[in-house]
Amino acid sequence: MATVIDVSENDGFYRFLKSVAIGPAIDISFNPWVKGLENIPTDGAAILASNHLSFSDSIFLPVAVPRKITFLAKAEYFNAPGIRGKVTGAFFRGAGQVPVDRTGGNAGTAAISTGVRLLNEGHLLGIYPEGTRSPDGRLYRGKTGVARMALEARVQVIPVAMVNTDKVQPVGRVRPNFNVDVGINIGKPLDFSRYYGMEDDRFVLRSLTDEITYKIMELSGQEYVDKYASRSRANPK
């Protein structure tokens, strides 16, 4: 039997983080611009498919979007030992994160299953198709999990471009840069209903993922690299 995922129990803490603890500080410090909020449905399930430049993407985007966004996160964030681990896990849950076990051979299947379940429950699901942060600010090849979730749950995909978030706190820098023009560009929903029932066709999944990635590229203005970001990190040359 599938486990029921209840992310609503932390709605109060999510609203507190957004409206009191984090949201006002983000607005005052960065005053990020947002375009295309009208493209996000006021209710019902949908996928927000975004480029991934910085850890702060998962902060700026939820602050900007009126609806609660649920992200899939590594289970290690929730299961760390000690008091610090418990506090970190509680924070991630309260911030709308759902743990996914990404170890072992079924890592991709577990993430897709969890994502589809959340979408079937009517949530707005945040996904980074690249699978990891860009190592150099360019846009990398998307993984097909986003397309499979969209087809299995029969939902629209909304492309999102985070702009300049990588300049807020570059790798190795402790203190953030505040003089950064941070923005979020939200595109029109992509309707893949003509492909429903074809979620096992790898050619369809690749085609739809590339279409999603292309829309993100148009919104972000990033240079595209036709390889996975994880491989680029392992082999920078």
Foldseek 3Di string as FASTA:
>chain_A
DDDADDLPVLQVLQCCCLPPVPLVVCCVLAVAAEPDLVQDDPWFEEEEEEAAADPCVLVVVCNPHPFQEAEEDAQCCQPPDDPVSPVSNVVCSSNRYDHAHLDDDCNLVRVLVVLLSCNLVTHYYYDHQLNDHAPPQAGEQGDLSVVLSCQVNVHWYKYKYWEFPCQQAPPPRDHGDRPTHTYMYIHHTDHPVVCRPVSVPVVVSRVVSVVSSVVRCVRHVGHYDYHRRVVCVVPVD
